[in-house]
């Protein structure tokens, strides 16, 4: 049994890898978590795994605290996975691979290995990222824009009188209050970008194009897209499992 941990910008997600299957996936907010809190959290209330694999896009100190908690609890030194030029059949498009976030790389690897076809991968988290991979496994590169909360917060930070309500539902129509205008505008900007990218990729790849979306806002963004996406909240963990399986 292996423990897989995905440390994002706001949350820690984890699951156990048993017989190539993810078991008991969970998540918690990691803001200001100290070592003792980590030791008492549900993350470490399990039987001891054989190995621990971590993907970390947050501050290095957060990864260090989690590694220290794992070491104290189980005496294990976790493996922090890194972006590679090539992994599980996928070739990285970045000129400097160290500039690509490990979460994006794992999502790309997971998506292509699932479909073995041209695929558009969208992650709607703190930032919204869009990546493309060809049928042969060649990563095409991607796009990054602020996520819903960031986009809404940028306006409230520079304009007085705008109240931020980040968790309020949004639509793709004109708003009738300033809050609705901000929320609907941010949502429409993200939805419009994704729809535009999918339309371009469809022209190139046709019906062969697979589409998958993940991230904290992935489900509600997916409900407004023109084309059907598969929603997978654990896509990064699936990618991490592929790398963990390789290192048996």
Protein backbone atom coordinates (compact mmCIF):
# COMPACT_ATOMS: atom_id res chain seq x y z
CA UNK A 1 0.00 0.00 0.00
CA UNK A 2 1.24 3.46 -0.97
CA UNK A 3 0.10 6.84 0.31
CA UNK A 4 -0.26 9.50 -2.41
CA UNK A 5 -0.40 13.19 -1.41
CA UNK A 6 -1.24 16.14 -3.65
CA UNK A 7 -0.36 19.48 -1.98
CA UNK A 8 -2.13 22.26 -3.85
CA UNK A 9 -2.15 25.98 -3.22
CA UNK A 10 -5.01 25.76 -0.72
CA UNK A 11 -5.73 22.08 -0.03
CA UNK A 12 -4.00 18.79 0.62
CA UNK A 13 -5.58 15.82 -1.14
CA UNK A 14 -4.55 12.24 -0.52
CA UNK A 15 -5.49 8.65 -1.23
CA UNK A 16 -4.05 5.17 -0.82
CA UNK A 17 -2.93 3.15 -3.81
CA UNK A 18 -3.98 -0.48 -3.38
CA UNK A 19 -3.84 -2.92 -6.30
CA UNK A 20 -3.62 0.01 -8.78
CA UNK A 21 -6.79 1.58 -7.34
CA UNK A 22 -7.19 4.81 -5.35
CA UNK A 23 -8.79 4.14 -1.98
CA UNK A 24 -10.33 6.51 0.59
CA UNK A 25 -9.54 9.86 -1.11
CA UNK A 26 -9.79 12.84 1.24
CA UNK A 27 -8.80 16.49 1.51
CA UNK A 28 -8.15 19.26 4.05
CA UNK A 29 -7.17 22.93 3.98
CA UNK A 30 -3.49 23.33 4.79
CA UNK A 31 -3.36 27.03 5.66
CA UNK A 32 -1.28 27.53 8.82
CA UNK A 33 -1.21 23.81 9.67
CA UNK A 34 1.60 23.06 12.11
CA UNK A 35 3.35 19.76 12.75
CA UNK A 36 1.17 18.73 15.69
CA UNK A 37 -2.02 19.50 13.78
CA UNK A 38 -0.79 17.38 10.88
CA UNK A 39 -0.01 14.50 13.23
CA UNK A 40 -3.55 14.68 14.60
CA UNK A 41 -5.24 15.12 11.24
CA UNK A 42 -7.08 12.43 9.28
CA UNK A 43 -4.13 12.38 6.86
CA UNK A 44 -2.12 10.25 9.29
CA UNK A 45 -4.91 8.31 11.01
CA UNK A 46 -4.32 5.18 8.96
CA UNK A 47 -2.21 2.06 8.95
CA UNK A 48 1.37 2.56 7.87
CA UNK A 49 1.92 2.60 4.09
CA UNK A 50 4.92 0.99 2.44
CA UNK A 51 5.85 4.19 0.58
CA UNK A 52 4.70 7.80 0.40
CA UNK A 53 4.70 9.91 -2.78
CA UNK A 54 4.10 13.66 -2.69
CA UNK A 55 3.36 16.22 -5.41
CA UNK A 56 3.79 19.75 -4.05
CA UNK A 57 2.98 23.04 -5.81
CA UNK A 58 2.61 25.01 -2.57
CA UNK A 59 5.35 26.62 -0.52
CA UNK A 60 8.27 24.31 0.16
CA UNK A 61 7.81 24.77 3.92
CA UNK A 62 4.41 23.06 3.72
CA UNK A 63 5.96 20.03 2.06
CA UNK A 64 8.70 20.01 4.67
CA UNK A 65 6.14 20.02 7.51
CA UNK A 66 4.23 17.13 5.98
CA UNK A 67 7.44 15.18 5.38
CA UNK A 68 8.44 15.77 9.01
CA UNK A 69 5.03 14.58 10.23
CA UNK A 70 5.30 11.41 8.13
CA UNK A 71 8.82 10.79 9.39
CA UNK A 72 7.74 11.23 13.01
CA UNK A 73 4.60 9.08 12.61
CA UNK A 74 5.91 6.21 10.49
CA UNK A 75 9.67 6.65 10.11
CA UNK A 76 9.30 7.02 6.34
CA UNK A 77 11.03 9.48 4.02
CA UNK A 78 8.48 10.47 1.35
CA UNK A 79 9.39 10.76 -2.32
CA UNK A 80 8.71 14.21 -3.79
CA UNK A 81 7.95 13.60 -7.47
CA UNK A 82 9.35 15.98 -10.08
CA UNK A 83 8.46 16.99 -13.61
CA UNK A 84 10.37 15.01 -16.25
CA UNK A 85 11.04 15.46 -19.94
CA UNK A 86 9.13 12.23 -20.55
CA UNK A 87 6.85 10.17 -18.29
CA UNK A 88 4.57 7.23 -19.06
CA UNK A 89 4.50 7.93 -22.80
CA UNK A 90 4.02 11.72 -22.57
CA UNK A 91 6.68 14.17 -23.81
CA UNK A 92 6.90 17.55 -22.09
CA UNK A 93 6.53 20.65 -24.30
CA UNK A 94 8.21 23.12 -21.95
CA UNK A 95 11.61 24.44 -22.95
CA UNK A 96 12.52 24.52 -19.24
CA UNK A 97 10.64 21.66 -17.61
CA UNK A 98 11.29 23.05 -14.12
CA UNK A 99 8.83 25.87 -14.92
CA UNK A 100 5.90 23.46 -15.32
CA UNK A 101 3.92 22.75 -12.15
CA UNK A 102 3.97 19.14 -11.02
CA UNK A 103 0.15 19.17 -10.69
CA UNK A 104 -0.26 20.08 -14.36
CA UNK A 105 2.28 17.47 -15.41
CA UNK A 106 0.59 14.71 -13.44
CA UNK A 107 -2.84 15.70 -14.80
CA UNK A 108 -1.47 15.62 -18.35
CA UNK A 109 0.14 12.21 -17.83
CA UNK A 110 -3.02 10.80 -16.24
CA UNK A 111 -5.32 12.13 -18.94
CA UNK A 112 -3.31 10.87 -21.89
CA UNK A 113 -2.78 7.44 -20.33
CA UNK A 114 -6.54 7.18 -19.74
CA UNK A 115 -7.57 7.97 -23.31
CA UNK A 116 -4.46 7.38 -25.50
CA UNK A 117 -6.00 10.03 -27.77
CA UNK A 118 -5.80 13.80 -28.29
CA UNK A 119 -7.00 15.33 -25.03
CA UNK A 120 -7.78 18.74 -23.55
CA UNK A 121 -7.09 18.93 -19.79
CA UNK A 122 -8.59 21.73 -17.69
CA UNK A 123 -7.82 22.33 -14.00
CA UNK A 124 -10.07 24.89 -12.26
CA UNK A 125 -8.34 25.65 -8.99
CA UNK A 126 -6.62 28.73 -7.60
CA UNK A 127 -5.61 29.27 -11.22
CA UNK A 128 -7.30 27.82 -14.29
CA UNK A 129 -4.91 25.86 -16.48
CA UNK A 130 -5.61 24.36 -19.89
CA UNK A 131 -3.26 21.84 -21.51
CA UNK A 132 -3.36 19.85 -24.72
CA UNK A 133 -1.79 16.51 -25.60
CA UNK A 134 -1.67 14.92 -29.05
CA UNK A 135 -2.56 11.33 -29.88
CA UNK A 136 1.13 10.41 -29.86
CA UNK A 137 1.57 11.75 -26.32
CA UNK A 138 3.20 15.05 -27.28
CA UNK A 139 2.32 17.76 -24.81
CA UNK A 140 1.32 20.87 -26.78
CA UNK A 141 1.80 23.35 -23.93
CA UNK A 142 -0.95 25.25 -22.20
CA UNK A 143 -2.60 28.40 -20.88
CA UNK A 144 -2.93 29.86 -17.38
CA UNK A 145 -5.42 32.46 -16.16
CA UNK A 146 -6.59 33.44 -12.65
CA UNK A 147 -9.23 31.16 -11.14
CA UNK A 148 -12.69 32.37 -10.14
CA UNK A 149 -11.74 33.65 -6.68
CA UNK A 150 -8.57 35.33 -7.92
CA UNK A 151 -10.34 36.99 -10.82
CA UNK A 152 -13.14 38.27 -8.59
CA UNK A 153 -10.69 39.33 -5.88
CA UNK A 154 -8.59 41.39 -8.28
CA UNK A 155 -11.56 43.69 -8.85
CA UNK A 156 -12.49 44.02 -5.20
CA UNK A 157 -8.89 44.91 -4.39
CA UNK A 158 -8.74 47.89 -6.73
CA UNK A 159 -12.34 49.15 -6.86
CA UNK A 160 -14.27 50.39 -3.83
CA UNK A 161 -17.87 49.35 -3.39
CA UNK A 162 -17.49 45.88 -4.91
CA UNK A 163 -18.37 43.11 -2.46
CA UNK A 164 -16.79 39.72 -3.03
CA UNK A 165 -19.11 36.71 -2.80
CA UNK A 166 -16.91 33.94 -4.25
CA UNK A 167 -19.15 30.98 -3.45
CA UNK A 168 -22.33 32.47 -4.85
CA UNK A 169 -23.64 30.69 -8.00
CA UNK A 170 -22.96 32.47 -11.25
CA UNK A 171 -24.55 32.40 -14.69
CA UNK A 172 -23.45 33.36 -18.19
CA UNK A 173 -25.96 36.19 -18.51
CA UNK A 174 -25.85 39.88 -17.61
CA UNK A 175 -25.90 40.56 -13.88
CA UNK A 176 -28.32 42.99 -12.23
CA UNK A 177 -26.16 43.81 -9.22
CA UNK A 178 -22.47 44.64 -9.10
CA UNK A 179 -21.76 41.33 -7.34
CA UNK A 180 -23.64 39.40 -10.05
CA UNK A 181 -21.76 41.30 -12.74
CA UNK A 182 -18.40 40.43 -11.17
CA UNK A 183 -19.25 36.77 -10.54
CA UNK A 184 -20.92 36.25 -13.92
CA UNK A 185 -18.14 38.12 -15.72
CA UNK A 186 -15.40 36.02 -14.14
CA UNK A 187 -17.28 32.80 -14.83
CA UNK A 188 -18.04 33.76 -18.40
CA UNK A 189 -14.40 34.70 -19.04
CA UNK A 190 -13.23 31.27 -17.92
CA UNK A 191 -16.02 29.36 -19.69
CA UNK A 192 -15.49 31.36 -22.89
CA UNK A 193 -11.76 30.66 -22.87
CA UNK A 194 -12.26 26.92 -22.41
CA UNK A 195 -14.95 26.78 -25.11
CA UNK A 196 -12.67 28.67 -27.52
CA UNK A 197 -9.72 26.33 -26.89
CA UNK A 198 -11.89 23.24 -27.33
CA UNK A 199 -13.28 24.61 -30.60
CA UNK A 200 -9.75 25.14 -31.94
CA UNK A 201 -8.61 21.68 -30.82
CA UNK A 202 -11.72 20.08 -32.32
CA UNK A 203 -10.91 21.64 -35.70
CA UNK A 204 -7.54 19.90 -35.53
CA UNK A 205 -8.51 16.58 -33.98
CA UNK A 206 -12.23 16.19 -34.67
CA UNK A 207 -14.33 13.74 -32.70
CA UNK A 208 -11.20 11.99 -31.45
CA UNK A 209 -10.63 14.81 -28.95
CA UNK A 210 -11.14 13.73 -25.33
CA UNK A 211 -11.95 16.34 -22.68
CA UNK A 212 -11.36 16.12 -18.93
CA UNK A 213 -11.73 18.71 -16.16
CA UNK A 214 -10.64 18.76 -12.51
CA UNK A 215 -10.12 21.19 -9.63
CA UNK A 216 -12.24 22.71 -6.89
CA UNK A 217 -14.35 24.76 -9.30
CA UNK A 218 -14.26 22.14 -12.06
CA UNK A 219 -17.75 20.76 -11.51
CA UNK A 220 -19.60 24.07 -11.66
CA UNK A 221 -17.54 25.34 -14.60
CA UNK A 222 -18.18 22.04 -16.40
CA UNK A 223 -21.95 22.53 -16.09
CA UNK A 224 -21.72 25.67 -18.26
CA UNK A 225 -19.37 24.48 -21.02
CA UNK A 226 -20.65 23.93 -24.56
CA UNK A 227 -18.87 20.58 -24.93
CA UNK A 228 -19.12 17.70 -22.51
CA UNK A 229 -16.10 17.15 -20.25
CA UNK A 230 -15.45 14.26 -17.90
CA UNK A 231 -15.10 15.60 -14.35
CA UNK A 232 -12.44 13.86 -12.27
CA UNK A 233 -11.66 15.52 -8.91
CA UNK A 234 -8.71 13.17 -8.36
CA UNK A 235 -6.94 13.52 -11.71
CA UNK A 236 -3.63 14.66 -10.17
CA UNK A 237 -3.68 11.73 -7.76
CA UNK A 238 -4.29 9.38 -10.70
CA UNK A 239 -1.20 10.80 -12.37
CA UNK A 240 0.77 10.40 -9.15
CA UNK A 241 -0.37 6.77 -8.95
CA UNK A 242 1.08 6.11 -12.42
CA UNK A 243 4.48 7.37 -11.31
CA UNK A 244 4.25 5.44 -8.04
CA UNK A 245 3.39 2.23 -9.91
CA UNK A 246 6.44 2.72 -12.11
CA UNK A 247 8.67 2.84 -9.03
CA UNK A 248 7.68 -0.50 -7.53
